[in-house]
Amino acid sequence: MILEDLCKGCRICVDLCPMKILKTSTRMTKKGVFPPEVVDPAKCTACKICQHYCPDFAIFIVGGPRLSRS
């Protein structure tokens, strides 16, 4: 979940995501920043790197990792 009102558009989450599922939005918030957006939520492994490194506590993981069943 991304709390856009708290995001300052630093891109730390986008740059650090190992699965590359985050990108900078083309939509500007009322604060004048371009927040991240999730490109492919099915690829999220819930590693929480984005959550741990966000300086503004604007992003967090809801639920656990998605495990493939073979």
N, C-alpha and C. Protein backbone atom coordinates (compact mmCIF):
# COMPACT_ATOMS: atom_id res chain seq x y z
N MET A 1 0.85 -1.17 0.00
CA MET A 1 0.00 0.00 0.00
C MET A 1 0.90 1.23 0.00
N ILE A 2 0.57 2.19 -0.82
CA ILE A 2 1.34 3.43 -0.91
C ILE A 2 0.47 4.58 -0.42
N LEU A 3 0.96 5.26 0.60
CA LEU A 3 0.26 6.43 1.15
C LEU A 3 0.81 7.67 0.45
N GLU A 4 0.16 8.05 -0.62
CA GLU A 4 0.66 9.13 -1.48
C GLU A 4 0.79 10.46 -0.76
N ASP A 5 -0.03 10.71 0.25
CA ASP A 5 0.07 11.97 0.98
C ASP A 5 1.37 12.09 1.77
N LEU A 6 1.98 10.95 2.10
CA LEU A 6 3.24 10.96 2.84
C LEU A 6 4.46 10.89 1.93
N CYS A 7 4.29 10.44 0.72
CA CYS A 7 5.40 10.24 -0.21
C CYS A 7 5.97 11.56 -0.70
N LYS A 8 7.31 11.64 -0.76
CA LYS A 8 7.97 12.83 -1.29
C LYS A 8 8.60 12.57 -2.65
N GLY A 9 8.37 11.38 -3.22
CA GLY A 9 8.85 11.06 -4.55
C GLY A 9 10.35 10.83 -4.64
N CYS A 10 10.95 10.29 -3.61
CA CYS A 10 12.41 10.10 -3.58
C CYS A 10 12.89 8.95 -4.45
N ARG A 11 12.02 8.02 -4.80
CA ARG A 11 12.31 6.87 -5.66
C ARG A 11 13.16 5.79 -5.00
N ILE A 12 13.40 5.86 -3.72
CA ILE A 12 14.19 4.83 -3.05
C ILE A 12 13.53 3.46 -3.24
N CYS A 13 12.24 3.39 -3.05
CA CYS A 13 11.52 2.11 -3.20
C CYS A 13 11.61 1.60 -4.63
N VAL A 14 11.51 2.49 -5.60
CA VAL A 14 11.58 2.10 -7.01
C VAL A 14 12.96 1.54 -7.32
N ASP A 15 14.00 2.22 -6.85
CA ASP A 15 15.37 1.81 -7.15
C ASP A 15 15.78 0.53 -6.43
N LEU A 16 15.25 0.27 -5.23
CA LEU A 16 15.67 -0.87 -4.45
C LEU A 16 14.83 -2.13 -4.63
N CYS A 17 13.70 -2.03 -5.26
CA CYS A 17 12.83 -3.21 -5.42
C CYS A 17 13.53 -4.27 -6.27
N PRO A 18 13.81 -5.44 -5.67
CA PRO A 18 14.52 -6.48 -6.42
C PRO A 18 13.70 -7.08 -7.56
N MET A 19 12.38 -7.01 -7.45
CA MET A 19 11.52 -7.57 -8.49
C MET A 19 11.13 -6.53 -9.55
N LYS A 20 11.52 -5.29 -9.34
CA LYS A 20 11.25 -4.19 -10.29
C LYS A 20 9.76 -4.06 -10.58
N ILE A 21 8.94 -4.11 -9.52
CA ILE A 21 7.50 -3.98 -9.73
C ILE A 21 6.98 -2.57 -9.46
N LEU A 22 7.88 -1.68 -9.05
CA LEU A 22 7.49 -0.29 -8.79
C LEU A 22 8.05 0.61 -9.87
N LYS A 23 7.30 1.62 -10.24
CA LYS A 23 7.78 2.64 -11.17
C LYS A 23 7.23 3.98 -10.71
N THR A 24 7.84 5.04 -11.17
CA THR A 24 7.37 6.38 -10.85
C THR A 24 6.12 6.67 -11.66
N SER A 25 5.11 7.13 -10.99
CA SER A 25 3.84 7.44 -11.64
C SER A 25 3.98 8.66 -12.55
N THR A 26 3.13 8.77 -13.52
CA THR A 26 3.07 9.97 -14.36
C THR A 26 2.04 10.96 -13.80
N ARG A 27 1.37 10.55 -12.73
CA ARG A 27 0.35 11.37 -12.09
C ARG A 27 0.95 12.10 -10.90
N MET A 28 0.75 13.40 -10.85
CA MET A 28 1.28 14.22 -9.77
C MET A 28 0.27 14.32 -8.62
N THR A 29 0.78 14.23 -7.38
CA THR A 29 -0.10 14.37 -6.21
C THR A 29 -0.33 15.85 -5.92
N LYS A 30 -1.18 16.13 -4.96
CA LYS A 30 -1.45 17.53 -4.61
C LYS A 30 -0.25 18.21 -3.97
N LYS A 31 0.74 17.40 -3.51
CA LYS A 31 1.99 17.95 -2.98
C LYS A 31 2.98 18.26 -4.09
N GLY A 32 2.66 17.87 -5.31
CA GLY A 32 3.53 18.15 -6.45
C GLY A 32 4.62 17.12 -6.68
N VAL A 33 4.42 15.90 -6.19
CA VAL A 33 5.39 14.84 -6.41
C VAL A 33 4.77 13.71 -7.23
N PHE A 34 5.63 12.92 -7.84
CA PHE A 34 5.20 11.76 -8.60
C PHE A 34 5.48 10.52 -7.76
N PRO A 35 4.46 9.96 -7.13
CA PRO A 35 4.65 8.82 -6.24
C PRO A 35 4.92 7.54 -7.03
N PRO A 36 5.40 6.51 -6.34
CA PRO A 36 5.56 5.23 -7.04
C PRO A 36 4.21 4.58 -7.27
N GLU A 37 4.17 3.68 -8.21
CA GLU A 37 2.98 2.87 -8.43
C GLU A 37 3.41 1.43 -8.70
N VAL A 38 2.55 0.51 -8.38
CA VAL A 38 2.84 -0.90 -8.56
C VAL A 38 2.50 -1.29 -10.00
N VAL A 39 3.49 -1.86 -10.69
CA VAL A 39 3.33 -2.26 -12.08
C VAL A 39 2.74 -3.66 -12.18
N ASP A 40 3.28 -4.58 -11.37
CA ASP A 40 2.85 -5.97 -11.44
C ASP A 40 2.77 -6.58 -10.04
N PRO A 41 1.65 -6.40 -9.34
CA PRO A 41 1.55 -6.88 -7.96
C PRO A 41 1.73 -8.40 -7.81
N ALA A 42 1.47 -9.16 -8.84
CA ALA A 42 1.62 -10.62 -8.77
C ALA A 42 3.08 -11.03 -8.59
N LYS A 43 4.01 -10.18 -8.97
CA LYS A 43 5.44 -10.50 -8.85
C LYS A 43 6.02 -10.10 -7.49
N CYS A 44 5.24 -9.44 -6.66
CA CYS A 44 5.72 -9.01 -5.35
C CYS A 44 5.96 -10.23 -4.45
N THR A 45 7.15 -10.29 -3.85
CA THR A 45 7.50 -11.39 -2.95
C THR A 45 7.35 -10.99 -1.49
N ALA A 46 6.88 -9.79 -1.23
CA ALA A 46 6.70 -9.26 0.12
C ALA A 46 8.02 -9.23 0.90
N CYS A 47 9.11 -8.89 0.22
CA CYS A 47 10.42 -8.82 0.87
C CYS A 47 10.52 -7.64 1.83
N LYS A 48 9.66 -6.65 1.64
CA LYS A 48 9.56 -5.46 2.49
C LYS A 48 10.75 -4.51 2.41
N ILE A 49 11.57 -4.64 1.38
CA ILE A 49 12.67 -3.71 1.22
C ILE A 49 12.14 -2.29 1.04
N CYS A 50 11.10 -2.13 0.26
CA CYS A 50 10.51 -0.81 0.05
C CYS A 50 10.03 -0.22 1.37
N GLN A 51 9.40 -1.04 2.16
CA GLN A 51 8.86 -0.61 3.45
C GLN A 51 9.97 -0.21 4.42
N HIS A 52 11.03 -0.99 4.47
CA HIS A 52 12.12 -0.73 5.42
C HIS A 52 12.94 0.51 5.06
N TYR A 53 13.09 0.80 3.78
CA TYR A 53 13.94 1.91 3.37
C TYR A 53 13.20 3.22 3.11
N CYS A 54 11.88 3.20 3.12
CA CYS A 54 11.12 4.44 2.88
C CYS A 54 11.34 5.41 4.04
N PRO A 55 11.94 6.57 3.78
CA PRO A 55 12.22 7.52 4.85
C PRO A 55 10.96 8.19 5.42
N ASP A 56 9.87 8.10 4.71
CA ASP A 56 8.64 8.77 5.13
C ASP A 56 7.54 7.82 5.57
N PHE A 57 7.86 6.52 5.65
CA PHE A 57 6.87 5.51 6.05
C PHE A 57 5.62 5.59 5.18
N ALA A 58 5.84 5.79 3.88
CA ALA A 58 4.73 5.98 2.95
C ALA A 58 4.34 4.72 2.19
N ILE A 59 5.08 3.64 2.40
CA ILE A 59 4.79 2.40 1.68
C ILE A 59 4.92 1.23 2.65
N PHE A 60 3.97 0.31 2.55
CA PHE A 60 4.05 -0.88 3.39
C PHE A 60 3.35 -2.05 2.72
N ILE A 61 3.76 -3.23 3.13
CA ILE A 61 3.25 -4.46 2.54
C ILE A 61 2.02 -4.92 3.31
N VAL A 62 0.98 -5.28 2.59
CA VAL A 62 -0.24 -5.82 3.18
C VAL A 62 -0.31 -7.28 2.75
N GLY A 63 -0.31 -8.18 3.72
CA GLY A 63 -0.34 -9.61 3.42
C GLY A 63 1.05 -10.18 3.32
N GLY A 64 1.13 -11.47 3.08
CA GLY A 64 2.39 -12.17 3.01
C GLY A 64 2.85 -12.39 1.59
N PRO A 65 3.95 -13.12 1.44
CA PRO A 65 4.47 -13.38 0.10
C PRO A 65 3.54 -14.27 -0.71
N ARG A 66 3.61 -14.10 -1.99
CA ARG A 66 2.83 -14.95 -2.89
C ARG A 66 3.73 -16.11 -3.29
N LEU A 67 3.34 -17.30 -2.92
CA LEU A 67 4.14 -18.47 -3.23
C LEU A 67 3.49 -19.25 -4.37
N SER A 68 4.32 -19.63 -5.32
CA SER A 68 3.77 -20.42 -6.42
C SER A 68 3.64 -21.87 -5.97
N ARG A 69 2.60 -22.51 -6.40
CA ARG A 69 2.36 -23.92 -6.04
C ARG A 69 2.68 -24.77 -7.26
N SER A 70 3.58 -25.69 -7.07
CA SER A 70 3.98 -26.55 -8.18
C SER A 70 3.34 -27.91 -8.06
